[in-house]
Structure formats: C-alpha cells, structure tokens
Amino acid sequence: MATPLVYILHSGQLFGTERMAVRTLAALEGCFDRTIVAPAGPVHDHARAHGLRTVRAGTPAELARFLWRTGRTHRACVVAATGLSHTLVAIAMQWLSGCPTTHVHVVHGGTDERLSYGRKRLLLPFDVRFVAVSGFVRERLAAHGVPPGRVTVIENFIDAQPDGGRPAFAQAGVRRVVVLSRLDRIKRVGLLVNAVRRTPALADMHFDIYGSGEEHTLLRESVADLPNVRFHGFAPDASARLREADLLVHTCAEEPFGLAILEAFAAGVPVLVPNAGGAGALVQDCETGFHFAANDAAALARALQRLHDAPAALLNGVADAARATLAGRFAPARQTRRYLSLLGAWA
C-alpha cells in the first residue's frame, strides 16, 4: 500500500496556491496515495479531474477527524500544509494516533509579513520540513528567524504548452494587455490605472484586468472615464485569456513568486514586472521579460510606451527565451525530483 500524502489547503478556491497543490500532487503520481483536503470550493472538482482524491474539511475538528482516521489505518504518512494551524493539528494527530508522520510546511509567502513569515517560527520546536517556493520566500523566512538550513527551495512549476499558446507576433508593438491578480491594496493594481491615466500615448492599448478583492469596486469606479481599461472580476478561466493578450503586467513588488508569470511564459506572452520581489527574480530584463522600477507609476508608463512600439523580433525572442526557461528551471520533472529527494524516505 502506498504511503498517504495529504495536502491541506486553507481555501477551496482556485488561486495560485490551490492550483500548485494540485499540480504538485499530480506530478507525484505513482509515488504516494494522494489526497487534497480543503474547504468546499472549485478546487475539489479540479483536483478530481487530475486523478486526485479530495476530502472536504472546513473546520479544525473535521480536519482532525480525517487525520486521526488516516493515522490509525496506516503505518506512516506525509502531511503537507500551507497554514500554521493545519500543521499544528497534524502534529497533534500524530501524537494521538502514534502514526509516524513527515510534516512538510509549504510557504508560498504573502504580503503580510507577520502572518506569511513571522508566525512560522512557532513550528521550529517540531520536526517540520519547510519548503519555500522561491529564494525570496526563504530570505523572508530567515529575516523572521527561520534558519535557512531548515528551508528547501522548491519553485513552482508548470507544463509548457506545445500548442494553444499565443501566435508569434507578426507586427510590432503591444496593444492588448492583461492583468491576473487579486485586487487587494498591496497588489498595487492602482499603479497601472495611474500609469494609463497620466499617459495619453497609451490610449490605443487595451487593459483587461481579472481578479477580485477589497479594492475591486474602488478600482472599477476609478476607470469610468478610461474606456480602454476594464475590470472583469474573478474568472476561473482567466489564465486562458492570456493567449489573447500581447503582454501580462504584474504590479506587486512584494510578490513572493507570481504563478501567473509562469502561465504567461507557457502561453508565449511577454511579461512586464517590477524589478523587486519574487516576481522580479523570475524575469531577466529584456531576455525573458521586462522590468520597470517598482512602485513607480511613471516608470511603468514609460515601460508600456516602449513596448507599444517594440519590434516583433524582440517580443518573439523574449517569449521564446521565457518558454526555454520554463522548460528548464521550472520544468515539472525538475521540481518533482526535489520533492522526492525531500521525501525520499517515504517515496
């Protein structure tokens, strides 16, 4: 019987964290008996479509009961979690059930330093293996007292698209721009609105923004006089819209990773990102994408103006280099080997 690998999610939605959890377990097919545990939401259908078992658990008590049953019916198990409380519940159930358990705490990071990094110190007394999705995340963990030696960097990954991506640029210039982002203040999507508003030369570029969050209504109302900027709200298939775009813009300088950037790489769509944070570290300026000075609306506007007239050869070259990076550095097989190395005792 294969060793159970339980991946606990705090949300049942299909944001980057949930998509990566499903992608990770799908890549480990044949190595473990894989289960996604999450509150109700679309992640369950998505996971089952990838051949995974799912369990709905929306409260600590429901999670504890499932982990107790798993521990009592197996000789060993692996539990991966992204939430502090979920790992603590798993540790408690290990003690109560007596089942030898490998605990993996996956840190995707976030924009709240205390919640995303600072509280992880509470796990240091326990035998927990930390996984950071980027070097930036490991640096932030270290800044909050988690020894770097306790942290393994395993970057997010995505399959390259052999077809179905954006056709190669036949003409110069970017005209259709897409943003895939939560609309929370820290994501700084308003930076793009400011850039467009202050730059009449961008009037013939069209900006489609997908996502929801605390600033959705405010931002949507703020562009009532900008006919070339549209907020569409959350769309489960928003990443599929990439292939209709000429450029993905990412505005958050504190982003720990930026899965939408990899999705753009896969779709053959150039990216424009801040020169800071995890997003900036994913992109080599003018090689696999483009940078602008973080948190500077004027710099973002200038970068968009340059791309407005960029030669097709430059845009195609950047898209090709990004796909090559995706097939190497971010290849599923490469990152799966890192997980198997981390979990070698059970795989």
Protein backbone atom coordinates (compact mmCIF):
# COMPACT_ATOMS: atom_id res chain seq x y z
CA MET A 1 0.00 0.00 0.00
CA ALA A 2 1.37 3.41 -0.98
CA THR A 3 2.15 5.91 1.75
CA PRO A 4 -0.60 8.55 2.08
CA LEU A 5 0.36 12.10 1.12
CA VAL A 6 -2.22 14.53 2.45
CA TYR A 7 -2.05 18.14 1.21
CA ILE A 8 -4.12 20.51 3.39
CA LEU A 9 -5.35 23.80 1.93
CA HIS A 10 -6.91 26.70 3.82
CA SER A 11 -9.07 27.64 0.82
CA GLY A 12 -11.23 25.69 -1.58
CA GLN A 13 -10.78 28.26 -4.33
CA LEU A 14 -8.50 28.04 -7.38
CA PHE A 15 -5.92 30.73 -6.74
CA GLY A 16 -2.23 30.10 -7.27
CA THR A 17 -1.68 28.17 -4.02
CA GLU A 18 -4.51 25.75 -4.75
CA ARG A 19 -3.51 25.22 -8.38
CA MET A 20 0.07 24.49 -7.35
CA ALA A 21 -1.02 21.98 -4.70
CA VAL A 22 -2.99 20.06 -7.31
CA ARG A 23 -0.15 20.32 -9.80
CA THR A 24 2.35 19.05 -7.22
CA LEU A 25 0.31 16.01 -6.23
CA ALA A 26 -0.50 15.21 -9.86
CA ALA A 27 3.24 15.20 -10.63
CA LEU A 28 3.81 12.71 -7.79
CA GLU A 29 1.54 10.09 -9.36
CA GLY A 30 2.70 6.56 -8.60
CA CYS A 31 4.73 7.65 -5.56
CA PHE A 32 2.03 8.23 -2.94
CA ASP A 33 -1.66 7.77 -2.21
CA ARG A 34 -2.55 11.44 -2.77
CA THR A 35 -5.37 13.43 -1.16
CA ILE A 36 -6.30 17.11 -1.20
CA VAL A 37 -8.06 18.30 1.96
CA ALA A 38 -9.80 21.67 1.68
CA PRO A 39 -12.99 23.56 2.46
CA ALA A 40 -15.79 23.39 -0.10
CA GLY A 41 -14.97 25.07 -3.39
CA PRO A 42 -13.93 24.52 -7.01
CA VAL A 43 -10.55 23.02 -6.07
CA HIS A 44 -12.29 19.68 -5.43
CA ASP A 45 -13.57 19.22 -8.98
CA HIS A 46 -10.25 20.50 -10.33
CA ALA A 47 -8.28 18.00 -8.22
CA ARG A 48 -10.51 15.07 -9.11
CA ALA A 49 -10.09 15.93 -12.79
CA HIS A 50 -6.35 15.39 -12.19
CA GLY A 51 -6.91 11.95 -10.65
CA LEU A 52 -6.69 13.02 -7.01
CA ARG A 53 -8.87 12.09 -4.09
CA THR A 54 -10.37 15.02 -2.18
CA VAL A 55 -11.86 15.46 1.28
CA ARG A 56 -13.90 18.45 2.41
CA ALA A 57 -12.81 19.80 5.78
CA GLY A 58 -13.79 23.33 6.70
CA THR A 59 -13.10 23.25 10.43
CA PRO A 60 -10.18 22.12 12.63
CA ALA A 61 -12.41 19.38 14.08
CA GLU A 62 -13.18 17.96 10.62
CA LEU A 63 -9.50 18.05 9.72
CA ALA A 64 -8.51 16.38 12.98
CA ARG A 65 -11.02 13.56 12.49
CA PHE A 66 -9.72 12.85 8.98
CA LEU A 67 -6.07 12.88 10.08
CA TRP A 68 -6.91 10.65 13.06
CA ARG A 69 -8.52 8.05 10.80
CA THR A 70 -5.59 8.24 8.38
CA GLY A 71 -3.07 7.80 11.18
CA ARG A 72 -4.91 4.85 12.69
CA THR A 73 -5.16 2.96 9.39
CA HIS A 74 -1.63 3.47 8.00
CA ARG A 75 1.85 2.69 9.21
CA ALA A 76 3.21 6.07 8.08
CA CYS A 77 2.07 9.16 6.25
CA VAL A 78 3.19 12.52 4.87
CA VAL A 79 1.25 15.70 5.59
CA ALA A 80 1.86 18.90 3.63
CA ALA A 81 0.15 22.12 4.66
CA THR A 82 0.33 25.82 3.92
CA GLY A 83 -1.37 27.05 7.10
CA LEU A 84 0.27 27.16 10.53
CA SER A 85 -2.81 25.86 12.34
CA HIS A 86 -3.14 22.94 9.93
CA THR A 87 0.42 21.78 10.57
CA LEU A 88 -0.13 22.08 14.33
CA VAL A 89 -3.31 19.98 14.06
CA ALA A 90 -1.38 17.37 12.05
CA ILE A 91 1.36 17.27 14.70
CA ALA A 92 -1.25 16.76 17.44
CA MET A 93 -2.92 13.95 15.50
CA GLN A 94 0.46 12.27 15.01
CA TRP A 95 0.96 12.20 18.77
CA LEU A 96 -2.54 10.89 19.42
CA SER A 97 -2.59 8.25 16.69
CA GLY A 98 1.03 7.16 17.02
CA CYS A 99 1.48 7.18 13.23
CA PRO A 100 4.99 8.20 12.10
CA THR A 101 4.42 11.34 10.05
CA THR A 102 6.62 13.52 7.88
CA HIS A 103 5.46 17.12 8.14
CA VAL A 104 6.08 19.47 5.22
CA HIS A 105 5.13 23.12 5.65
CA VAL A 106 4.91 24.80 2.24
CA VAL A 107 5.44 28.56 2.43
CA HIS A 108 4.06 30.45 -0.53
CA GLY A 109 4.61 33.76 1.21
CA GLY A 110 2.34 36.75 1.07
CA THR A 111 2.10 40.44 1.64
CA ASP A 112 1.54 40.35 5.42
CA GLU A 113 5.00 39.79 6.91
CA ARG A 114 3.80 38.57 10.31
CA LEU A 115 1.21 36.13 9.03
CA SER A 116 3.16 34.96 5.99
CA TYR A 117 6.60 34.59 7.61
CA GLY A 118 6.83 35.70 11.25
CA ARG A 119 4.48 33.11 12.75
CA LYS A 120 6.33 30.24 11.07
CA ARG A 121 8.82 30.39 13.98
CA LEU A 122 6.20 28.61 16.07
CA LEU A 123 6.94 25.42 14.13
CA LEU A 124 10.68 25.44 14.88
CA PRO A 125 10.45 23.21 18.01
CA PHE A 126 8.89 20.45 15.91
CA ASP A 127 10.30 18.14 13.25
CA VAL A 128 8.87 20.08 10.32
CA ARG A 129 10.46 20.43 6.89
CA PHE A 130 9.95 23.87 5.40
CA VAL A 131 9.54 24.32 1.65
CA ALA A 132 9.82 27.84 0.21
CA VAL A 133 8.51 28.45 -3.29
CA SER A 134 11.28 30.94 -4.08
CA GLY A 135 14.60 32.25 -2.83
CA PHE A 136 12.76 35.46 -1.92
CA VAL A 137 10.47 33.49 0.41
CA ARG A 138 13.46 31.78 2.05
CA GLU A 139 15.07 35.19 2.62
CA ARG A 140 11.91 36.50 4.29
CA LEU A 141 11.69 33.39 6.49
CA ALA A 142 15.32 33.88 7.52
CA ALA A 143 14.60 37.53 8.35
CA HIS A 144 11.95 36.27 10.77
CA GLY A 145 14.14 33.72 12.49
CA VAL A 146 13.72 30.50 10.49
CA PRO A 147 17.22 29.08 9.90
CA PRO A 148 17.95 28.81 6.15
CA GLY A 149 19.20 25.27 6.75
CA ARG A 150 15.67 24.23 7.70
CA VAL A 151 14.28 25.51 4.39
CA THR A 152 14.34 23.80 0.98
CA VAL A 153 13.56 25.98 -2.03
CA ILE A 154 11.29 24.16 -4.49
CA GLU A 155 9.98 26.62 -7.03
CA ASN A 156 6.53 26.48 -8.52
CA PHE A 157 6.31 24.82 -11.91
CA ILE A 158 4.03 24.47 -14.87
CA ASP A 159 3.95 22.43 -18.07
CA ALA A 160 4.97 24.17 -21.25
CA GLN A 161 2.16 24.37 -23.81
CA PRO A 162 3.20 22.58 -27.02
CA ASP A 163 0.31 24.31 -28.80
CA GLY A 164 -2.63 26.54 -27.98
CA GLY A 165 -0.49 29.46 -26.87
CA ARG A 166 -0.35 32.92 -28.34
CA PRO A 167 0.68 33.03 -32.02
CA ALA A 168 4.02 34.65 -32.72
CA PHE A 169 4.00 38.42 -33.17
CA ALA A 170 3.64 39.28 -36.85
CA GLN A 171 3.62 43.03 -36.26
CA ALA A 172 5.50 45.36 -33.96
CA GLY A 173 4.05 46.62 -30.71
CA VAL A 174 1.88 45.66 -27.77
CA ARG A 175 -1.81 46.59 -27.87
CA ARG A 176 -3.65 44.08 -25.65
CA VAL A 177 -2.54 43.93 -22.02
CA VAL A 178 -3.88 41.56 -19.35
CA VAL A 179 -3.55 41.57 -15.55
CA LEU A 180 -4.32 38.47 -13.44
CA SER A 181 -4.28 39.49 -9.79
CA ARG A 182 -6.19 39.74 -6.56
CA LEU A 183 -7.44 43.29 -6.21
CA ASP A 184 -6.07 43.97 -2.74
CA ARG A 185 -4.25 47.17 -1.85
CA ILE A 186 -0.84 45.50 -1.54
CA LYS A 187 -1.13 44.17 -5.11
CA ARG A 188 -0.90 47.78 -6.34
CA VAL A 189 -3.09 47.35 -9.40
CA GLY A 190 -3.93 51.03 -8.96
CA LEU A 191 -0.37 51.71 -10.12
CA LEU A 192 -1.38 50.60 -13.60
CA VAL A 193 -4.50 52.76 -13.53
CA ASN A 194 -2.35 55.76 -12.60
CA ALA A 195 0.12 54.96 -15.38
CA VAL A 196 -2.63 54.81 -18.00
CA ARG A 197 -4.35 57.94 -16.73
CA ARG A 198 -1.20 60.05 -16.86
CA THR A 199 -0.11 58.86 -20.32
CA PRO A 200 -2.35 59.77 -23.27
CA ALA A 201 0.01 57.87 -25.58
CA LEU A 202 -1.37 54.62 -24.10
CA ALA A 203 -4.93 55.36 -25.22
CA ASP A 204 -4.82 52.76 -28.01
CA MET A 205 -3.65 49.99 -25.65
CA HIS A 206 -6.43 47.91 -24.08
CA PHE A 207 -6.11 46.69 -20.49
CA ASP A 208 -8.20 43.72 -19.26
CA ILE A 209 -7.91 43.07 -15.52
CA TYR A 210 -9.15 39.81 -13.98
CA GLY A 211 -9.47 39.28 -10.24
CA SER A 212 -11.45 40.18 -7.15
CA GLY A 213 -10.59 41.67 -3.78
CA GLU A 214 -11.07 44.52 -1.38
CA GLU A 215 -10.31 47.21 -3.98
CA HIS A 216 -12.42 45.82 -6.81
CA THR A 217 -15.28 48.31 -6.57
CA LEU A 218 -12.98 51.27 -5.95
CA LEU A 219 -10.75 50.44 -8.90
CA ARG A 220 -13.63 49.72 -11.25
CA GLU A 221 -15.25 53.06 -10.42
CA SER A 222 -11.92 54.86 -10.84
CA VAL A 223 -11.70 53.89 -14.53
CA ALA A 224 -15.18 55.01 -15.52
CA ASP A 225 -13.57 57.66 -17.73
CA LEU A 226 -10.93 55.29 -19.16
CA PRO A 227 -12.65 53.26 -21.89
CA ASN A 228 -9.52 51.22 -22.57
CA VAL A 229 -9.33 49.80 -19.01
CA ARG A 230 -11.81 47.09 -17.99
CA PHE A 231 -12.18 45.20 -14.70
CA HIS A 232 -13.82 41.82 -15.27
CA GLY A 233 -13.87 40.43 -11.72
CA PHE A 234 -12.81 36.90 -10.83
CA ALA A 235 -12.92 34.41 -13.70
CA PRO A 236 -11.95 30.75 -13.10
CA ASP A 237 -10.59 30.52 -16.64
CA ALA A 238 -8.80 33.89 -16.57
CA SER A 239 -5.42 32.30 -17.30
CA ALA A 240 -6.87 31.07 -20.61
CA ARG A 241 -7.32 34.72 -21.62
CA LEU A 242 -3.55 35.06 -21.72
CA ARG A 243 -3.31 33.66 -25.21
CA GLU A 244 -5.48 36.56 -26.42
CA ALA A 245 -3.06 39.14 -24.98
CA ASP A 246 0.20 40.72 -26.11
CA LEU A 247 1.53 41.36 -22.60
CA LEU A 248 0.98 40.36 -18.97
CA VAL A 249 1.56 43.17 -16.45
CA HIS A 250 2.32 42.33 -12.82
CA THR A 251 2.39 45.25 -10.36
CA CYS A 252 3.17 43.82 -6.89
CA ALA A 253 6.77 44.36 -5.74
CA GLU A 254 6.24 42.20 -2.64
CA GLU A 255 5.01 39.19 -4.61
CA PRO A 256 6.71 36.04 -3.26
CA PHE A 257 6.51 34.25 -6.60
CA GLY A 258 3.87 35.09 -9.22
CA LEU A 259 2.39 31.94 -10.77
CA ALA A 260 0.65 34.00 -13.45
CA ILE A 261 4.11 34.88 -14.77
CA LEU A 262 4.86 31.21 -15.44
CA GLU A 263 1.45 30.85 -17.08
CA ALA A 264 2.37 33.73 -19.37
CA PHE A 265 5.71 32.04 -20.15
CA ALA A 266 3.79 28.90 -21.12
CA ALA A 267 1.35 30.84 -23.28
CA GLY A 268 4.11 32.65 -25.16
CA VAL A 269 3.06 36.04 -23.78
CA PRO A 270 5.77 38.55 -22.76
CA VAL A 271 5.63 39.89 -19.18
CA LEU A 272 6.31 43.26 -17.55
CA VAL A 273 7.06 43.04 -13.81
CA PRO A 274 8.59 45.15 -11.02
CA ASN A 275 12.36 44.95 -10.57
CA ALA A 276 11.88 43.69 -7.00
CA GLY A 277 10.49 40.76 -5.01
CA GLY A 278 9.86 37.25 -6.17
CA ALA A 279 8.27 38.38 -9.42
CA GLY A 280 11.35 40.39 -10.39
CA ALA A 281 13.57 37.39 -9.66
CA LEU A 282 11.63 35.25 -12.14
CA VAL A 283 12.36 37.54 -15.07
CA GLN A 284 15.64 38.58 -16.68
CA ASP A 285 15.11 42.08 -18.05
CA CYS A 286 14.97 42.21 -21.86
CA GLU A 287 15.77 38.48 -22.01
CA THR A 288 12.80 36.55 -20.60
CA GLY A 289 10.59 39.58 -19.96
CA PHE A 290 10.76 43.22 -18.98
CA HIS A 291 11.24 45.15 -15.72
CA PHE A 292 10.01 48.53 -14.53
CA ALA A 293 11.08 50.41 -11.39
CA ALA A 294 8.94 49.02 -8.58
CA ASN A 295 6.08 51.15 -7.19
CA ASP A 296 6.67 53.92 -9.75
CA ALA A 297 3.67 54.71 -11.98
CA ALA A 298 5.76 56.95 -14.24
CA ALA A 299 8.32 54.17 -14.76
CA LEU A 300 5.52 51.72 -15.55
CA ALA A 301 4.08 54.18 -18.08
CA ARG A 302 7.48 54.60 -19.75
CA ALA A 303 7.94 50.83 -19.98
CA LEU A 304 4.50 50.45 -21.56
CA GLN A 305 5.30 53.19 -24.06
CA ARG A 306 8.50 51.38 -25.07
CA LEU A 307 6.60 48.13 -25.53
CA HIS A 308 3.91 49.94 -27.51
CA ASP A 309 6.43 50.19 -30.35
CA ALA A 310 8.64 47.18 -29.58
CA PRO A 311 9.81 45.24 -32.67
CA ALA A 312 8.11 41.92 -33.27
CA ALA A 313 11.53 40.23 -33.25
CA LEU A 314 12.19 41.48 -29.71
CA LEU A 315 8.80 40.34 -28.42
CA ASN A 316 9.10 36.92 -30.08
CA GLY A 317 12.66 36.49 -28.81
CA VAL A 318 11.63 37.25 -25.24
CA ALA A 319 8.67 34.87 -25.46
CA ASP A 320 10.89 32.08 -26.84
CA ALA A 321 13.51 32.61 -24.12
CA ALA A 322 10.81 32.55 -21.44
CA ARG A 323 9.48 29.25 -22.75
CA ALA A 324 13.00 27.81 -22.71
CA THR A 325 13.39 28.92 -19.08
CA LEU A 326 10.07 27.30 -18.28
CA ALA A 327 11.20 24.03 -19.83
CA GLY A 328 14.43 24.10 -17.81
CA ARG A 329 14.36 25.92 -14.49
CA PHE A 330 10.61 25.48 -13.96
CA ALA A 331 10.15 22.03 -15.50
CA PRO A 332 7.77 19.78 -13.53
CA ALA A 333 10.25 16.87 -13.61
CA ARG A 334 12.99 19.04 -12.07
CA GLN A 335 10.85 20.26 -9.18
CA THR A 336 9.26 16.85 -8.66
CA ARG A 337 12.73 15.36 -8.18
CA ARG A 338 13.33 17.93 -5.45
CA TYR A 339 10.16 16.86 -3.66
CA LEU A 340 11.12 13.21 -4.00
CA SER A 341 14.56 13.99 -2.58
CA LEU A 342 12.96 15.78 0.36
CA LEU A 343 10.54 12.90 0.93
CA GLY A 344 12.92 10.13 -0.09
CA ALA A 345 12.31 8.03 3.00
CA TRP A 346 8.65 7.54 2.04
CA ALA A 347 8.55 7.77 -1.76
